[in-house]
Amino acid sequence: MKLIMRTEFDNLRLNDSHAFATDSNGDKQVVKIYCGEKLIAKKTTVKKSIRYFGVKEYKDYLTDE
Protein backbone atom coordinates (compact mmCIF):
# COMPACT_ATOMS: atom_id res chain seq x y z
CA MET A 1 0.00 0.00 0.00
CA LYS A 2 1.09 3.55 -0.64
CA LEU A 3 0.21 6.91 0.91
CA ILE A 4 -2.79 8.70 -0.60
CA MET A 5 -4.45 12.07 0.03
CA ARG A 6 -7.33 12.54 2.47
CA THR A 7 -9.69 13.67 -0.32
CA GLU A 8 -9.03 10.45 -2.23
CA PHE A 9 -9.70 8.40 0.91
CA ASP A 10 -12.96 10.29 1.54
CA ASN A 11 -14.00 9.70 -2.07
CA LEU A 12 -13.55 5.95 -1.57
CA ARG A 13 -15.29 5.98 1.83
CA LEU A 14 -18.36 7.90 0.62
CA ASN A 15 -18.93 5.61 -2.39
CA ASP A 16 -22.09 3.57 -1.72
CA SER A 17 -20.69 0.48 -3.45
CA HIS A 18 -17.81 0.28 -0.95
CA ALA A 19 -18.03 -1.02 2.63
CA PHE A 20 -15.86 0.05 5.53
CA ALA A 21 -14.96 -1.35 8.94
CA THR A 22 -13.47 0.33 12.01
CA ASP A 23 -11.14 -1.27 14.56
CA SER A 24 -9.82 0.38 17.71
CA ASN A 25 -7.11 -0.79 20.07
CA GLY A 26 -5.98 1.69 22.71
CA ASP A 27 -4.53 4.76 21.01
CA LYS A 28 -4.63 3.18 17.55
CA GLN A 29 -7.66 3.26 15.26
CA VAL A 30 -7.85 1.69 11.79
CA VAL A 31 -10.59 2.27 9.19
CA LYS A 32 -10.52 -0.19 6.28
CA ILE A 33 -12.43 0.25 3.00
CA TYR A 34 -13.45 -2.79 0.98
CA CYS A 35 -14.78 -3.25 -2.53
CA GLY A 36 -16.46 -6.63 -2.26
CA GLU A 37 -13.92 -8.75 -0.37
CA LYS A 38 -10.87 -6.78 -1.55
CA LEU A 39 -9.18 -4.25 0.77
CA ILE A 40 -8.61 -1.08 -1.26
CA ALA A 41 -7.72 1.56 1.35
CA LYS A 42 -7.15 2.16 5.04
CA LYS A 43 -6.70 5.03 7.47
CA THR A 44 -4.56 4.64 10.57
CA THR A 45 -4.75 7.02 13.50
CA VAL A 46 -2.17 6.80 16.29
CA LYS A 47 -2.61 9.55 18.87
CA LYS A 48 -2.54 12.68 16.64
CA SER A 49 -0.91 11.10 13.58
CA ILE A 50 -3.26 10.23 10.70
CA ARG A 51 -2.12 8.36 7.59
CA TYR A 52 -4.12 7.29 4.54
CA PHE A 53 -3.09 4.29 2.44
CA GLY A 54 -4.38 2.82 -0.81
CA VAL A 55 -3.55 -0.19 -2.95
CA LYS A 56 -1.60 0.42 -6.17
CA GLU A 57 -4.76 0.48 -8.32
CA TYR A 58 -6.88 2.57 -5.89
CA LYS A 59 -7.50 5.20 -8.61
CA ASP A 60 -9.62 2.64 -10.48
CA TYR A 61 -12.12 2.78 -7.59
CA LEU A 62 -12.41 6.61 -7.38
CA THR A 63 -15.61 8.30 -8.55
CA ASP A 64 -15.77 11.53 -10.54
CA GLU A 65 -16.99 14.53 -8.58
PDB file of N, CA and C in Angstrom:
ATOM      1  N   MET A   1       0.837  -1.175   0.000  1.00  0.00           N
ATOM      2  CA  MET A   1       0.000   0.000   0.000  1.00  0.00           C
ATOM      3  C   MET A   1       0.885   1.242   0.000  1.00  0.00           C
ATOM      4  N   LYS A   2       0.337   2.307  -0.590  1.00  0.00           N
ATOM      5  CA  LYS A   2       1.093   3.553  -0.637  1.00  0.00           C
ATOM      6  C   LYS A   2       0.243   4.680  -0.067  1.00  0.00           C
ATOM      7  N   LEU A   3       0.907   5.761   0.340  1.00  0.00           N
ATOM      8  CA  LEU A   3       0.211   6.906   0.911  1.00  0.00           C
ATOM      9  C   LEU A   3      -0.671   7.571  -0.139  1.00  0.00           C
ATOM     10  N   ILE A   4      -1.883   7.968   0.279  1.00  0.00           N
ATOM     11  CA  ILE A   4      -2.786   8.700  -0.600  1.00  0.00           C
ATOM     12  C   ILE A   4      -3.275   9.949   0.138  1.00  0.00           C
ATOM     13  N   MET A   5      -3.939  10.845  -0.578  1.00  0.00           N
ATOM     14  CA  MET A   5      -4.446  12.068   0.033  1.00  0.00           C
ATOM     15  C   MET A   5      -5.775  11.815   0.740  1.00  0.00           C
ATOM     16  N   ARG A   6      -6.087  12.679   1.696  1.00  0.00           N
ATOM     17  CA  ARG A   6      -7.325  12.541   2.465  1.00  0.00           C
ATOM     18  C   ARG A   6      -8.550  12.626   1.557  1.00  0.00           C
ATOM     19  N   THR A   7      -8.537  13.514   0.578  1.00  0.00           N
ATOM     20  CA  THR A   7      -9.687  13.674  -0.317  1.00  0.00           C
ATOM     21  C   THR A   7      -9.946  12.397  -1.116  1.00  0.00           C
ATOM     22  N   GLU A   8      -8.873  11.711  -1.513  1.00  0.00           N
ATOM     23  CA  GLU A   8      -9.031  10.447  -2.230  1.00  0.00           C
ATOM     24  C   GLU A   8      -9.619   9.383  -1.308  1.00  0.00           C
ATOM     25  N   PHE A   9      -9.165   9.352  -0.056  1.00  0.00           N
ATOM     26  CA  PHE A   9      -9.697   8.400   0.907  1.00  0.00           C
ATOM     27  C   PHE A   9     -11.184   8.669   1.146  1.00  0.00           C
ATOM     28  N   ASP A  10     -11.559   9.938   1.316  1.00  0.00           N
ATOM     29  CA  ASP A  10     -12.962  10.292   1.536  1.00  0.00           C
ATOM     30  C   ASP A  10     -13.818   9.921   0.335  1.00  0.00           C
ATOM     31  N   ASN A  11     -13.286  10.095  -0.862  1.00  0.00           N
ATOM     32  CA  ASN A  11     -14.000   9.703  -2.072  1.00  0.00           C
ATOM     33  C   ASN A  11     -14.306   8.211  -2.044  1.00  0.00           C
ATOM     34  N   LEU A  12     -13.342   7.397  -1.663  1.00  0.00           N
ATOM     35  CA  LEU A  12     -13.550   5.952  -1.573  1.00  0.00           C
ATOM     36  C   LEU A  12     -14.538   5.601  -0.456  1.00  0.00           C
ATOM     37  N   ARG A  13     -14.435   6.281   0.667  1.00  0.00           N
ATOM     38  CA  ARG A  13     -15.290   5.981   1.827  1.00  0.00           C
ATOM     39  C   ARG A  13     -16.748   6.342   1.559  1.00  0.00           C
ATOM     40  N   LEU A  14     -16.993   7.434   0.857  1.00  0.00           N
ATOM     41  CA  LEU A  14     -18.355   7.896   0.616  1.00  0.00           C
ATOM     42  C   LEU A  14     -19.048   7.193  -0.539  1.00  0.00           C
ATOM     43  N   ASN A  15     -18.331   6.370  -1.283  1.00  0.00           N
ATOM     44  CA  ASN A  15     -18.925   5.615  -2.385  1.00  0.00           C
ATOM     45  C   ASN A  15     -19.842   4.532  -1.809  1.00  0.00           C
ATOM     46  N   ASP A  16     -21.105   4.520  -2.255  1.00  0.00           N
ATOM     47  CA  ASP A  16     -22.091   3.572  -1.720  1.00  0.00           C
ATOM     48  C   ASP A  16     -21.775   2.116  -2.042  1.00  0.00           C
ATOM     49  N   SER A  17     -21.004   1.869  -3.089  1.00  0.00           N
ATOM     50  CA  SER A  17     -20.691   0.479  -3.453  1.00  0.00           C
ATOM     51  C   SER A  17     -19.523  -0.086  -2.648  1.00  0.00           C
ATOM     52  N   HIS A  18     -18.915   0.730  -1.788  1.00  0.00           N
ATOM     53  CA  HIS A  18     -17.809   0.280  -0.946  1.00  0.00           C
ATOM     54  C   HIS A  18     -18.276   0.152   0.497  1.00  0.00           C
ATOM     55  N   ALA A  19     -17.728  -0.817   1.205  1.00  0.00           N
ATOM     56  CA  ALA A  19     -18.033  -1.015   2.625  1.00  0.00           C
ATOM     57  C   ALA A  19     -16.799  -0.646   3.433  1.00  0.00           C
ATOM     58  N   PHE A  20     -17.010  -0.251   4.692  1.00  0.00           N
ATOM     59  CA  PHE A  20     -15.862   0.046   5.531  1.00  0.00           C
ATOM     60  C   PHE A  20     -16.067  -0.513   6.926  1.00  0.00           C
ATOM     61  N   ALA A  21     -14.953  -0.806   7.589  1.00  0.00           N
ATOM     62  CA  ALA A  21     -14.963  -1.349   8.945  1.00  0.00           C
ATOM     63  C   ALA A  21     -13.976  -0.569   9.793  1.00  0.00           C
ATOM     64  N   THR A  22     -14.314  -0.412  11.079  1.00  0.00           N
ATOM     65  CA  THR A  22     -13.465   0.326  12.010  1.00  0.00           C
ATOM     66  C   THR A  22     -12.996  -0.608  13.107  1.00  0.00           C
ATOM     67  N   ASP A  23     -11.719  -0.466  13.490  1.00  0.00           N
ATOM     68  CA  ASP A  23     -11.140  -1.274  14.556  1.00  0.00           C
ATOM     69  C   ASP A  23     -10.314  -0.366  15.459  1.00  0.00           C
ATOM     70  N   SER A  24     -10.565  -0.443  16.758  1.00  0.00           N
ATOM     71  CA  SER A  24      -9.823   0.379  17.713  1.00  0.00           C
ATOM     72  C   SER A  24      -9.099  -0.502  18.715  1.00  0.00           C
ATOM     73  N   ASN A  25      -7.891  -0.063  19.075  1.00  0.00           N
ATOM     74  CA  ASN A  25      -7.112  -0.786  20.067  1.00  0.00           C
ATOM     75  C   ASN A  25      -6.258   0.234  20.806  1.00  0.00           C
ATOM     76  N   GLY A  26      -6.730   0.686  21.956  1.00  0.00           N
ATOM     77  CA  GLY A  26      -5.977   1.686  22.714  1.00  0.00           C
ATOM     78  C   GLY A  26      -5.916   2.996  21.976  1.00  0.00           C
ATOM     79  N   ASP A  27      -4.717   3.497  21.711  1.00  0.00           N
ATOM     80  CA  ASP A  27      -4.532   4.764  21.008  1.00  0.00           C
ATOM     81  C   ASP A  27      -4.610   4.624  19.493  1.00  0.00           C
ATOM     82  N   LYS A  28      -4.657   3.404  18.985  1.00  0.00           N
ATOM     83  CA  LYS A  28      -4.631   3.178  17.548  1.00  0.00           C
ATOM     84  C   LYS A  28      -6.031   2.864  17.022  1.00  0.00           C
ATOM     85  N   GLN A  29      -6.395   3.532  15.924  1.00  0.00           N
ATOM     86  CA  GLN A  29      -7.658   3.265  15.257  1.00  0.00           C
ATOM     87  C   GLN A  29      -7.378   3.028  13.780  1.00  0.00           C
ATOM     88  N   VAL A  30      -8.038   2.019  13.201  1.00  0.00           N
ATOM     89  CA  VAL A  30      -7.851   1.694  11.791  1.00  0.00           C
ATOM     90  C   VAL A  30      -9.226   1.625  11.124  1.00  0.00           C
ATOM     91  N   VAL A  31      -9.377   2.334  10.001  1.00  0.00           N
ATOM     92  CA  VAL A  31     -10.587   2.267   9.190  1.00  0.00           C
ATOM     93  C   VAL A  31     -10.191   1.636   7.861  1.00  0.00           C
ATOM     94  N   LYS A  32     -10.841   0.523   7.516  1.00  0.00           N
ATOM     95  CA  LYS A  32     -10.522  -0.188   6.279  1.00  0.00           C
ATOM     96  C   LYS A  32     -11.699  -0.093   5.321  1.00  0.00           C
ATOM     97  N   ILE A  33     -11.404   0.150   4.034  1.00  0.00           N
ATOM     98  CA  ILE A  33     -12.427   0.249   3.002  1.00  0.00           C
ATOM     99  C   ILE A  33     -12.285  -0.944   2.065  1.00  0.00           C
ATOM    100  N   TYR A  34     -13.420  -1.598   1.814  1.00  0.00           N
ATOM    101  CA  TYR A  34     -13.448  -2.794   0.981  1.00  0.00           C
ATOM    102  C   TYR A  34     -14.335  -2.575  -0.233  1.00  0.00           C
ATOM    103  N   CYS A  35     -13.934  -3.149  -1.349  1.00  0.00           N
ATOM    104  CA  CYS A  35     -14.779  -3.250  -2.531  1.00  0.00           C
ATOM    105  C   CYS A  35     -15.022  -4.744  -2.713  1.00  0.00           C
ATOM    106  N   GLY A  36     -16.204  -5.198  -2.326  1.00  0.00           N
ATOM    107  CA  GLY A  36     -16.457  -6.632  -2.260  1.00  0.00           C
ATOM    108  C   GLY A  36     -15.654  -7.198  -1.113  1.00  0.00           C
ATOM    109  N   GLU A  37     -14.785  -8.153  -1.388  1.00  0.00           N
ATOM    110  CA  GLU A  37     -13.918  -8.751  -0.374  1.00  0.00           C
ATOM    111  C   GLU A  37     -12.509  -8.177  -0.402  1.00  0.00           C
ATOM    112  N   LYS A  38     -12.235  -7.287  -1.364  1.00  0.00           N
ATOM    113  CA  LYS A  38     -10.870  -6.777  -1.545  1.00  0.00           C
ATOM    114  C   LYS A  38     -10.653  -5.489  -0.747  1.00  0.00           C
ATOM    115  N   LEU A  39      -9.579  -5.453   0.037  1.00  0.00           N
ATOM    116  CA  LEU A  39      -9.179  -4.255   0.774  1.00  0.00           C
ATOM    117  C   LEU A  39      -8.559  -3.269  -0.214  1.00  0.00           C
ATOM    118  N   ILE A  40      -9.131  -2.051  -0.298  1.00  0.00           N
ATOM    119  CA  ILE A  40      -8.606  -1.081  -1.262  1.00  0.00           C
ATOM    120  C   ILE A  40      -7.956   0.126  -0.594  1.00  0.00           C
ATOM    121  N   ALA A  41      -8.313   0.416   0.670  1.00  0.00           N
ATOM    122  CA  ALA A  41      -7.720   1.563   1.347  1.00  0.00           C
ATOM    123  C   ALA A  41      -7.877   1.420   2.853  1.00  0.00           C
ATOM    124  N   LYS A  42      -7.014   2.138   3.588  1.00  0.00           N
ATOM    125  CA  LYS A  42      -7.152   2.159   5.043  1.00  0.00           C
ATOM    126  C   LYS A  42      -6.605   3.463   5.591  1.00  0.00           C
ATOM    127  N   LYS A  43      -7.132   3.836   6.755  1.00  0.00           N
ATOM    128  CA  LYS A  43      -6.696   5.033   7.467  1.00  0.00           C
ATOM    129  C   LYS A  43      -6.248   4.585   8.847  1.00  0.00           C
ATOM    130  N   THR A  44      -5.049   4.970   9.235  1.00  0.00           N
ATOM    131  CA  THR A  44      -4.558   4.641  10.571  1.00  0.00           C
ATOM    132  C   THR A  44      -4.390   5.924  11.365  1.00  0.00           C
ATOM    133  N   THR A  45      -4.876   5.890  12.601  1.00  0.00           N
ATOM    134  CA  THR A  45      -4.752   7.023  13.505  1.00  0.00           C
ATOM    135  C   THR A  45      -4.065   6.538  14.768  1.00  0.00           C
ATOM    136  N   VAL A  46      -2.900   7.104  15.064  1.00  0.00           N
ATOM    137  CA  VAL A  46      -2.172   6.796  16.288  1.00  0.00           C
ATOM    138  C   VAL A  46      -1.944   8.124  16.989  1.00  0.00           C
ATOM    139  N   LYS A  47      -2.616   8.284  18.126  1.00  0.00           N
ATOM    140  CA  LYS A  47      -2.606   9.550  18.866  1.00  0.00           C
ATOM    141  C   LYS A  47      -3.041  10.672  17.936  1.00  0.00           C
ATOM    142  N   LYS A  48      -2.155  11.571  17.523  1.00  0.00           N
ATOM    143  CA  LYS A  48      -2.537  12.676  16.644  1.00  0.00           C
ATOM    144  C   LYS A  48      -2.054  12.491  15.210  1.00  0.00           C
ATOM    145  N   SER A  49      -1.435  11.369  14.916  1.00  0.00           N
ATOM    146  CA  SER A  49      -0.910  11.097  13.584  1.00  0.00           C
ATOM    147  C   SER A  49      -1.952  10.335  12.761  1.00  0.00           C
ATOM    148  N   ILE A  50      -2.298  10.868  11.590  1.00  0.00           N
ATOM    149  CA  ILE A  50      -3.264  10.230  10.702  1.00  0.00           C
ATOM    150  C   ILE A  50      -2.588   9.965   9.361  1.00  0.00           C
ATOM    151  N   ARG A  51      -2.693   8.739   8.890  1.00  0.00           N
ATOM    152  CA  ARG A  51      -2.120   8.360   7.592  1.00  0.00           C
ATOM    153  C   ARG A  51      -3.172   7.641   6.775  1.00  0.00           C
ATOM    154  N   TYR A  52      -3.177   7.904   5.471  1.00  0.00           N
ATOM    155  CA  TYR A  52      -4.125   7.286   4.541  1.00  0.00           C
ATOM    156  C   TYR A  52      -3.335   6.449   3.547  1.00  0.00           C
ATOM    157  N   PHE A  53      -3.773   5.210   3.341  1.00  0.00           N
ATOM    158  CA  PHE A  53      -3.087   4.292   2.440  1.00  0.00           C
ATOM    159  C   PHE A  53      -4.069   3.728   1.424  1.00  0.00           C
ATOM    160  N   GLY A  54      -3.580   3.452   0.229  1.00  0.00           N
ATOM    161  CA  GLY A  54      -4.383   2.820  -0.810  1.00  0.00           C
ATOM    162  C   GLY A  54      -3.560   1.786  -1.540  1.00  0.00           C
ATOM    163  N   VAL A  55      -4.248   0.809  -2.138  1.00  0.00           N
ATOM    164  CA  VAL A  55      -3.553  -0.189  -2.945  1.00  0.00           C
ATOM    165  C   VAL A  55      -3.055   0.485  -4.227  1.00  0.00           C
ATOM    166  N   LYS A  56      -2.190  -0.182  -4.969  1.00  0.00           N
ATOM    167  CA  LYS A  56      -1.603   0.416  -6.168  1.00  0.00           C
ATOM    168  C   LYS A  56      -2.669   0.910  -7.147  1.00  0.00           C
ATOM    169  N   GLU A  57      -3.739   0.136  -7.332  1.00  0.00           N
ATOM    170  CA  GLU A  57      -4.761   0.477  -8.319  1.00  0.00           C
ATOM    171  C   GLU A  57      -5.967   1.174  -7.689  1.00  0.00           C
ATOM    172  N   TYR A  58      -5.764   1.908  -6.584  1.00  0.00           N
ATOM    173  CA  TYR A  58      -6.882   2.566  -5.895  1.00  0.00           C
ATOM    174  C   TYR A  58      -7.593   3.590  -6.780  1.00  0.00           C
ATOM    175  N   LYS A  59      -6.887   4.192  -7.737  1.00  0.00           N
ATOM    176  CA  LYS A  59      -7.504   5.200  -8.606  1.00  0.00           C
ATOM    177  C   LYS A  59      -8.595   4.603  -9.480  1.00  0.00           C
ATOM    178  N   ASP A  60      -8.558   3.299  -9.705  1.00  0.00           N
ATOM    179  CA  ASP A  60      -9.618   2.635 -10.478  1.00  0.00           C
ATOM    180  C   ASP A  60     -10.943   2.658  -9.721  1.00  0.00           C
ATOM    181  N   TYR A  61     -10.906   2.822  -8.411  1.00  0.00           N
ATOM    182  CA  TYR A  61     -12.120   2.784  -7.588  1.00  0.00           C
ATOM    183  C   TYR A  61     -12.663   4.169  -7.255  1.00  0.00           C
ATOM    184  N   LEU A  62     -11.955   5.236  -7.640  1.00  0.00           N
ATOM    185  CA  LEU A  62     -12.411   6.606  -7.376  1.00  0.00           C
ATOM    186  C   LEU A  62     -13.598   6.958  -8.260  1.00  0.00           C
ATOM    187  N   THR A  63     -14.494   7.827  -7.746  1.00  0.00           N
ATOM    188  CA  THR A  63     -15.614   8.300  -8.547  1.00  0.00           C
ATOM    189  C   THR A  63     -15.329   9.733  -8.982  1.00  0.00           C
ATOM    190  N   ASP A  64     -15.937  10.152 -10.078  1.00  0.00           N
ATOM    191  CA  ASP A  64     -15.771  11.526 -10.544  1.00  0.00           C
ATOM    192  C   ASP A  64     -16.696  12.433  -9.756  1.00  0.00           C
ATOM    193  N   GLU A  65     -16.169  13.576  -9.349  1.00  0.00           N
ATOM    194  CA  GLU A  65     -16.987  14.529  -8.578  1.00  0.00           C
ATOM    195  C   GLU A  65     -17.136  15.815  -9.326  1.00  0.00           C
TER     196      GLU A  65
END
